[in-house]
Amino acid sequence: MRVSRPLLHMHLARLEAPNLVRSEIEVSEDGKAMHYVELAPFALQLTPAVIAAAVANASTTATDDRTEPEEAR
């Protein structure tokens, strides 16, 4: 699967925002910019409270996605 550069940069930015990945840009001796990305250490804990919050958020999102704008009705 091929991914365009703009799409790749968008996804990397979304992963950098919550600190899931780290990136660094270096300039090589010949003047080319090199962008290095590495996975940041993280831990995910599923607790009843976390699951309940995810379910509540998914329910809200699903309801919002089904709501049509006034002009579409």
PDB file of N, CA and C in Angstrom:
ATOM      1  N   MET A   1       0.845  -1.180   0.000  1.00  0.00           N
ATOM      2  CA  MET A   1       0.000   0.000   0.000  1.00  0.00           C
ATOM      3  C   MET A   1       0.888   1.240   0.000  1.00  0.00           C
ATOM      4  N   ARG A   2       0.596   2.156  -0.872  1.00  0.00           N
ATOM      5  CA  ARG A   2       1.355   3.405  -0.952  1.00  0.00           C
ATOM      6  C   ARG A   2       0.567   4.518  -0.286  1.00  0.00           C
ATOM      7  N   VAL A   3       1.275   5.384   0.403  1.00  0.00           N
ATOM      8  CA  VAL A   3       0.662   6.509   1.100  1.00  0.00           C
ATOM      9  C   VAL A   3       1.350   7.777   0.637  1.00  0.00           C
ATOM     10  N   SER A   4       0.559   8.798   0.325  1.00  0.00           N
ATOM     11  CA  SER A   4       1.151  10.062  -0.110  1.00  0.00           C
ATOM     12  C   SER A   4       1.857  10.739   1.058  1.00  0.00           C
ATOM     13  N   ARG A   5       2.805  11.589   0.747  1.00  0.00           N
ATOM     14  CA  ARG A   5       3.536  12.304   1.797  1.00  0.00           C
ATOM     15  C   ARG A   5       2.620  13.161   2.675  1.00  0.00           C
ATOM     16  N   PRO A   6       1.696  13.933   2.074  1.00  0.00           N
ATOM     17  CA  PRO A   6       0.819  14.736   2.933  1.00  0.00           C
ATOM     18  C   PRO A   6      -0.003  13.871   3.901  1.00  0.00           C
ATOM     19  N   LEU A   7      -0.494  12.730   3.419  1.00  0.00           N
ATOM     20  CA  LEU A   7      -1.279  11.844   4.279  1.00  0.00           C
ATOM     21  C   LEU A   7      -0.399  11.247   5.370  1.00  0.00           C
ATOM     22  N   LEU A   8       0.811  10.855   5.027  1.00  0.00           N
ATOM     23  CA  LEU A   8       1.743  10.316   6.012  1.00  0.00           C
ATOM     24  C   LEU A   8       2.045  11.356   7.089  1.00  0.00           C
ATOM     25  N   HIS A   9       2.318  12.586   6.688  1.00  0.00           N
ATOM     26  CA  HIS A   9       2.620  13.647   7.650  1.00  0.00           C
ATOM     27  C   HIS A   9       1.423  13.949   8.548  1.00  0.00           C
ATOM     28  N   MET A  10       0.211  13.883   7.979  1.00  0.00           N
ATOM     29  CA  MET A  10      -0.982  14.110   8.780  1.00  0.00           C
ATOM     30  C   MET A  10      -1.109  13.039   9.855  1.00  0.00           C
ATOM     31  N   HIS A  11      -0.913  11.776   9.465  1.00  0.00           N
ATOM     32  CA  HIS A  11      -1.017  10.684  10.434  1.00  0.00           C
ATOM     33  C   HIS A  11       0.082  10.768  11.493  1.00  0.00           C
ATOM     34  N   LEU A  12       1.285  11.096  11.085  1.00  0.00           N
ATOM     35  CA  LEU A  12       2.376  11.234  12.057  1.00  0.00           C
ATOM     36  C   LEU A  12       2.090  12.369  13.036  1.00  0.00           C
ATOM     37  N   ALA A  13       1.544  13.462  12.547  1.00  0.00           N
ATOM     38  CA  ALA A  13       1.206  14.582  13.436  1.00  0.00           C
ATOM     39  C   ALA A  13       0.157  14.153  14.453  1.00  0.00           C
ATOM     40  N   ARG A  14      -0.813  13.354  14.008  1.00  0.00           N
ATOM     41  CA  ARG A  14      -1.848  12.879  14.932  1.00  0.00           C
ATOM     42  C   ARG A  14      -1.275  11.904  15.959  1.00  0.00           C
ATOM     43  N   LEU A  15      -0.254  11.165  15.600  1.00  0.00           N
ATOM     44  CA  LEU A  15       0.392  10.261  16.557  1.00  0.00           C
ATOM     45  C   LEU A  15       1.333  11.017  17.489  1.00  0.00           C
ATOM     46  N   GLU A  16       1.897  12.116  17.006  1.00  0.00           N
ATOM     47  CA  GLU A  16       2.796  12.919  17.846  1.00  0.00           C
ATOM     48  C   GLU A  16       2.038  13.714  18.903  1.00  0.00           C
ATOM     49  N   ALA A  17       0.817  14.162  18.584  1.00  0.00           N
ATOM     50  CA  ALA A  17       0.048  14.988  19.520  1.00  0.00           C
ATOM     51  C   ALA A  17      -0.121  14.314  20.883  1.00  0.00           C
ATOM     52  N   PRO A  18      -0.503  13.036  20.947  1.00  0.00           N
ATOM     53  CA  PRO A  18      -0.617  12.376  22.262  1.00  0.00           C
ATOM     54  C   PRO A  18       0.691  11.703  22.695  1.00  0.00           C
ATOM     55  N   ASN A  19       1.805  12.061  22.035  1.00  0.00           N
ATOM     56  CA  ASN A  19       3.136  11.520  22.367  1.00  0.00           C
ATOM     57  C   ASN A  19       3.252  10.013  22.168  1.00  0.00           C
ATOM     58  N   LEU A  20       2.604   9.476  21.121  1.00  0.00           N
ATOM     59  CA  LEU A  20       2.743   8.056  20.801  1.00  0.00           C
ATOM     60  C   LEU A  20       3.988   7.803  19.949  1.00  0.00           C
ATOM     61  N   VAL A  21       4.400   8.800  19.188  1.00  0.00           N
ATOM     62  CA  VAL A  21       5.649   8.714  18.427  1.00  0.00           C
ATOM     63  C   VAL A  21       6.441   9.997  18.659  1.00  0.00           C
ATOM     64  N   ARG A  22       7.736   9.884  18.449  1.00  0.00           N
ATOM     65  CA  ARG A  22       8.633  11.048  18.521  1.00  0.00           C
ATOM     66  C   ARG A  22       9.312  11.178  17.167  1.00  0.00           C
ATOM     67  N   SER A  23       9.565  12.405  16.786  1.00  0.00           N
ATOM     68  CA  SER A  23      10.263  12.590  15.516  1.00  0.00           C
ATOM     69  C   SER A  23      11.372  13.609  15.664  1.00  0.00           C
ATOM     70  N   GLU A  24      12.304  13.502  14.760  1.00  0.00           N
ATOM     71  CA  GLU A  24      13.454  14.398  14.761  1.00  0.00           C
ATOM     72  C   GLU A  24      13.867  14.613  13.314  1.00  0.00           C
ATOM     73  N   ILE A  25      14.197  15.832  12.980  1.00  0.00           N
ATOM     74  CA  ILE A  25      14.661  16.143  11.633  1.00  0.00           C
ATOM     75  C   ILE A  25      16.138  16.501  11.708  1.00  0.00           C
ATOM     76  N   GLU A  26      16.919  15.839  10.889  1.00  0.00           N
ATOM     77  CA  GLU A  26      18.352  16.126  10.800  1.00  0.00           C
ATOM     78  C   GLU A  26      18.675  16.510   9.368  1.00  0.00           C
ATOM     79  N   VAL A  27      19.707  17.302   9.208  1.00  0.00           N
ATOM     80  CA  VAL A  27      20.172  17.677   7.878  1.00  0.00           C
ATOM     81  C   VAL A  27      21.461  16.917   7.602  1.00  0.00           C
ATOM     82  N   SER A  28      21.475  16.182   6.491  1.00  0.00           N
ATOM     83  CA  SER A  28      22.656  15.393   6.141  1.00  0.00           C
ATOM     84  C   SER A  28      23.762  16.304   5.613  1.00  0.00           C
ATOM     85  N   GLU A  29      24.931  15.727   5.433  1.00  0.00           N
ATOM     86  CA  GLU A  29      26.078  16.511   4.942  1.00  0.00           C
ATOM     87  C   GLU A  29      25.811  17.118   3.577  1.00  0.00           C
ATOM     88  N   ASP A  30      24.989  16.427   2.765  1.00  0.00           N
ATOM     89  CA  ASP A  30      24.704  16.962   1.428  1.00  0.00           C
ATOM     90  C   ASP A  30      23.498  17.907   1.413  1.00  0.00           C
ATOM     91  N   GLY A  31      22.975  18.247   2.599  1.00  0.00           N
ATOM     92  CA  GLY A  31      21.919  19.247   2.704  1.00  0.00           C
ATOM     93  C   GLY A  31      20.500  18.712   2.667  1.00  0.00           C
ATOM     94  N   LYS A  32      20.341  17.379   2.604  1.00  0.00           N
ATOM     95  CA  LYS A  32      18.996  16.808   2.567  1.00  0.00           C
ATOM     96  C   LYS A  32      18.444  16.679   3.987  1.00  0.00           C
ATOM     97  N   ALA A  33      17.155  16.982   4.124  1.00  0.00           N
ATOM     98  CA  ALA A  33      16.493  16.842   5.427  1.00  0.00           C
ATOM     99  C   ALA A  33      16.051  15.389   5.596  1.00  0.00           C
ATOM    100  N   MET A  34      16.381  14.814   6.739  1.00  0.00           N
ATOM    101  CA  MET A  34      15.987  13.437   7.043  1.00  0.00           C
ATOM    102  C   MET A  34      15.084  13.462   8.271  1.00  0.00           C
ATOM    103  N   HIS A  35      13.914  12.881   8.135  1.00  0.00           N
ATOM    104  CA  HIS A  35      12.915  12.888   9.206  1.00  0.00           C
ATOM    105  C   HIS A  35      12.887  11.490   9.820  1.00  0.00           C
ATOM    106  N   TYR A  36      13.322  11.378  11.076  1.00  0.00           N
ATOM    107  CA  TYR A  36      13.329  10.107  11.787  1.00  0.00           C
ATOM    108  C   TYR A  36      12.145  10.060  12.740  1.00  0.00           C
ATOM    109  N   VAL A  37      11.457   8.930  12.758  1.00  0.00           N
ATOM    110  CA  VAL A  37      10.299   8.754  13.639  1.00  0.00           C
ATOM    111  C   VAL A  37      10.501   7.470  14.424  1.00  0.00           C
ATOM    112  N   GLU A  38      10.211   7.526  15.738  1.00  0.00           N
ATOM    113  CA  GLU A  38      10.302   6.324  16.563  1.00  0.00           C
ATOM    114  C   GLU A  38       9.087   6.223  17.465  1.00  0.00           C
ATOM    115  N   LEU A  39       8.729   5.010  17.780  1.00  0.00           N
ATOM    116  CA  LEU A  39       7.615   4.750  18.674  1.00  0.00           C
ATOM    117  C   LEU A  39       8.006   5.131  20.090  1.00  0.00           C
ATOM    118  N   ALA A  40       7.176   5.905  20.750  1.00  0.00           N
ATOM    119  CA  ALA A  40       7.436   6.298  22.137  1.00  0.00           C
ATOM    120  C   ALA A  40       6.890   5.207  23.059  1.00  0.00           C
ATOM    121  N   PRO A  41       7.578   4.937  24.154  1.00  0.00           N
ATOM    122  CA  PRO A  41       7.053   3.942  25.085  1.00  0.00           C
ATOM    123  C   PRO A  41       5.733   4.423  25.683  1.00  0.00           C
ATOM    124  N   PHE A  42       4.769   3.520  25.760  1.00  0.00           N
ATOM    125  CA  PHE A  42       3.491   3.863  26.369  1.00  0.00           C
ATOM    126  C   PHE A  42       2.854   2.599  26.923  1.00  0.00           C
ATOM    127  N   ALA A  43       1.937   2.774  27.817  1.00  0.00           N
ATOM    128  CA  ALA A  43       1.206   1.653  28.406  1.00  0.00           C
ATOM    129  C   ALA A  43      -0.282   1.953  28.301  1.00  0.00           C
ATOM    130  N   LEU A  44      -1.038   0.932  28.022  1.00  0.00           N
ATOM    131  CA  LEU A  44      -2.479   1.061  27.920  1.00  0.00           C
ATOM    132  C   LEU A  44      -3.102   0.165  28.977  1.00  0.00           C
ATOM    133  N   GLN A  45      -3.889   0.758  29.841  1.00  0.00           N
ATOM    134  CA  GLN A  45      -4.552  -0.013  30.888  1.00  0.00           C
ATOM    135  C   GLN A  45      -6.053   0.052  30.660  1.00  0.00           C
ATOM    136  N   LEU A  46      -6.658  -1.128  30.481  1.00  0.00           N
ATOM    137  CA  LEU A  46      -8.102  -1.186  30.321  1.00  0.00           C
ATOM    138  C   LEU A  46      -8.732  -1.476  31.672  1.00  0.00           C
ATOM    139  N   THR A  47      -9.404  -0.483  32.174  1.00  0.00           N
ATOM    140  CA  THR A  47     -10.115  -0.623  33.438  1.00  0.00           C
ATOM    141  C   THR A  47     -11.607  -0.460  33.141  1.00  0.00           C
ATOM    142  N   PRO A  48     -12.475  -0.873  34.053  1.00  0.00           N
ATOM    143  CA  PRO A  48     -13.904  -0.662  33.817  1.00  0.00           C
ATOM    144  C   PRO A  48     -14.247   0.802  33.527  1.00  0.00           C
ATOM    145  N   ALA A  49     -13.588   1.735  34.196  1.00  0.00           N
ATOM    146  CA  ALA A  49     -13.858   3.153  33.968  1.00  0.00           C
ATOM    147  C   ALA A  49     -13.440   3.578  32.560  1.00  0.00           C
ATOM    148  N   VAL A  50     -12.302   3.101  32.093  1.00  0.00           N
ATOM    149  CA  VAL A  50     -11.821   3.447  30.751  1.00  0.00           C
ATOM    150  C   VAL A  50     -12.772   2.883  29.699  1.00  0.00           C
ATOM    151  N   ILE A  51     -13.205   1.640  29.890  1.00  0.00           N
ATOM    152  CA  ILE A  51     -14.124   1.010  28.939  1.00  0.00           C
ATOM    153  C   ILE A  51     -15.465   1.739  28.929  1.00  0.00           C
ATOM    154  N   ALA A  52     -15.975   2.112  30.101  1.00  0.00           N
ATOM    155  CA  ALA A  52     -17.246   2.835  30.174  1.00  0.00           C
ATOM    156  C   ALA A  52     -17.147   4.181  29.455  1.00  0.00           C
ATOM    157  N   ALA A  53     -16.033   4.872  29.629  1.00  0.00           N
ATOM    158  CA  ALA A  53     -15.844   6.159  28.955  1.00  0.00           C
ATOM    159  C   ALA A  53     -15.775   5.967  27.435  1.00  0.00           C
ATOM    160  N   ALA A  54     -15.109   4.910  26.987  1.00  0.00           N
ATOM    161  CA  ALA A  54     -15.012   4.639  25.553  1.00  0.00           C
ATOM    162  C   ALA A  54     -16.384   4.314  24.973  1.00  0.00           C
ATOM    163  N   VAL A  55     -17.169   3.532  25.692  1.00  0.00           N
ATOM    164  CA  VAL A  55     -18.518   3.197  25.227  1.00  0.00           C
ATOM    165  C   VAL A  55     -19.374   4.454  25.146  1.00  0.00           C
ATOM    166  N   ALA A  56     -19.309   5.299  26.168  1.00  0.00           N
ATOM    167  CA  ALA A  56     -20.086   6.542  26.170  1.00  0.00           C
ATOM    168  C   ALA A  56     -19.674   7.436  25.010  1.00  0.00           C
ATOM    169  N   ASN A  57     -18.381   7.527  24.757  1.00  0.00           N
ATOM    170  CA  ASN A  57     -17.876   8.349  23.658  1.00  0.00           C
ATOM    171  C   ASN A  57     -18.305   7.769  22.313  1.00  0.00           C
ATOM    172  N   ALA A  58     -18.240   6.453  22.165  1.00  0.00           N
ATOM    173  CA  ALA A  58     -18.648   5.807  20.914  1.00  0.00           C
ATOM    174  C   ALA A  58     -20.133   6.017  20.670  1.00  0.00           C
ATOM    175  N   SER A  59     -20.927   5.955  21.709  1.00  0.00           N
ATOM    176  CA  SER A  59     -22.369   6.167  21.567  1.00  0.00           C
ATOM    177  C   SER A  59     -22.661   7.593  21.127  1.00  0.00           C
ATOM    178  N   THR A  60     -21.974   8.549  21.713  1.00  0.00           N
ATOM    179  CA  THR A  60     -22.150   9.957  21.351  1.00  0.00           C
ATOM    180  C   THR A  60     -21.714  10.191  19.914  1.00  0.00           C
ATOM    181  N   THR A  61     -20.572   9.617  19.534  1.00  0.00           N
ATOM    182  CA  THR A  61     -20.057   9.778  18.176  1.00  0.00           C
ATOM    183  C   THR A  61     -20.994   9.150  17.163  1.00  0.00           C
ATOM    184  N   ALA A  62     -21.500   7.958  17.462  1.00  0.00           N
ATOM    185  CA  ALA A  62     -22.413   7.291  16.539  1.00  0.00           C
ATOM    186  C   ALA A  62     -23.687   8.111  16.362  1.00  0.00           C
ATOM    187  N   THR A  63     -24.193   8.695  17.429  1.00  0.00           N
ATOM    188  CA  THR A  63     -25.389   9.530  17.352  1.00  0.00           C
ATOM    189  C   THR A  63     -25.104  10.783  16.543  1.00  0.00           C
ATOM    190  N   ASP A  64     -23.956  11.407  16.768  1.00  0.00           N
ATOM    191  CA  ASP A  64     -23.582  12.612  16.028  1.00  0.00           C
ATOM    192  C   ASP A  64     -23.421  12.320  14.542  1.00  0.00           C
ATOM    193  N   ASP A  65     -22.874  11.149  14.197  1.00  0.00           N
ATOM    194  CA  ASP A  65     -22.655  10.792  12.802  1.00  0.00           C
ATOM    195  C   ASP A  65     -23.977  10.589  12.061  1.00  0.00           C
ATOM    196  N   ARG A  66     -25.019  10.196  12.776  1.00  0.00           N
ATOM    197  CA  ARG A  66     -26.312   9.939  12.137  1.00  0.00           C
ATOM    198  C   ARG A  66     -27.150  11.205  12.028  1.00  0.00           C
ATOM    199  N   THR A  67     -26.764  12.253  12.697  1.00  0.00           N
ATOM    200  CA  THR A  67     -27.537  13.490  12.667  1.00  0.00           C
ATOM    201  C   THR A  67     -27.263  14.223  11.357  1.00  0.00           C
ATOM    202  N   GLU A  68     -28.320  14.514  10.643  1.00  0.00           N
ATOM    203  CA  GLU A  68     -28.168  15.213   9.368  1.00  0.00           C
ATOM    204  C   GLU A  68     -28.260  16.720   9.590  1.00  0.00           C
ATOM    205  N   PRO A  69     -27.497  17.483   8.838  1.00  0.00           N
ATOM    206  CA  PRO A  69     -27.633  18.934   8.919  1.00  0.00           C
ATOM    207  C   PRO A  69     -29.038  19.350   8.467  1.00  0.00           C
ATOM    208  N   GLU A  70     -29.526  20.475   8.956  1.00  0.00           N
ATOM    209  CA  GLU A  70     -30.866  20.956   8.637  1.00  0.00           C
ATOM    210  C   GLU A  70     -31.088  21.048   7.134  1.00  0.00           C
ATOM    211  N   GLU A  71     -30.087  21.559   6.401  1.00  0.00           N
ATOM    212  CA  GLU A  71     -30.265  21.765   4.964  1.00  0.00           C
ATOM    213  C   GLU A  71     -30.365  20.451   4.196  1.00  0.00           C
ATOM    214  N   ALA A  72     -29.907  19.332   4.790  1.00  0.00           N
ATOM    215  CA  ALA A  72     -29.960  18.039   4.109  1.00  0.00           C
ATOM    216  C   ALA A  72     -31.328  17.374   4.262  1.00  0.00           C
ATOM    217  N   ARG A  73     -32.156  17.863   5.170  1.00  0.00           N
ATOM    218  CA  ARG A  73     -33.458  17.223   5.415  1.00  0.00           C
ATOM    219  C   ARG A  73     -34.496  17.649   4.441  1.00  0.00           C
TER     220      ARG A  73
END
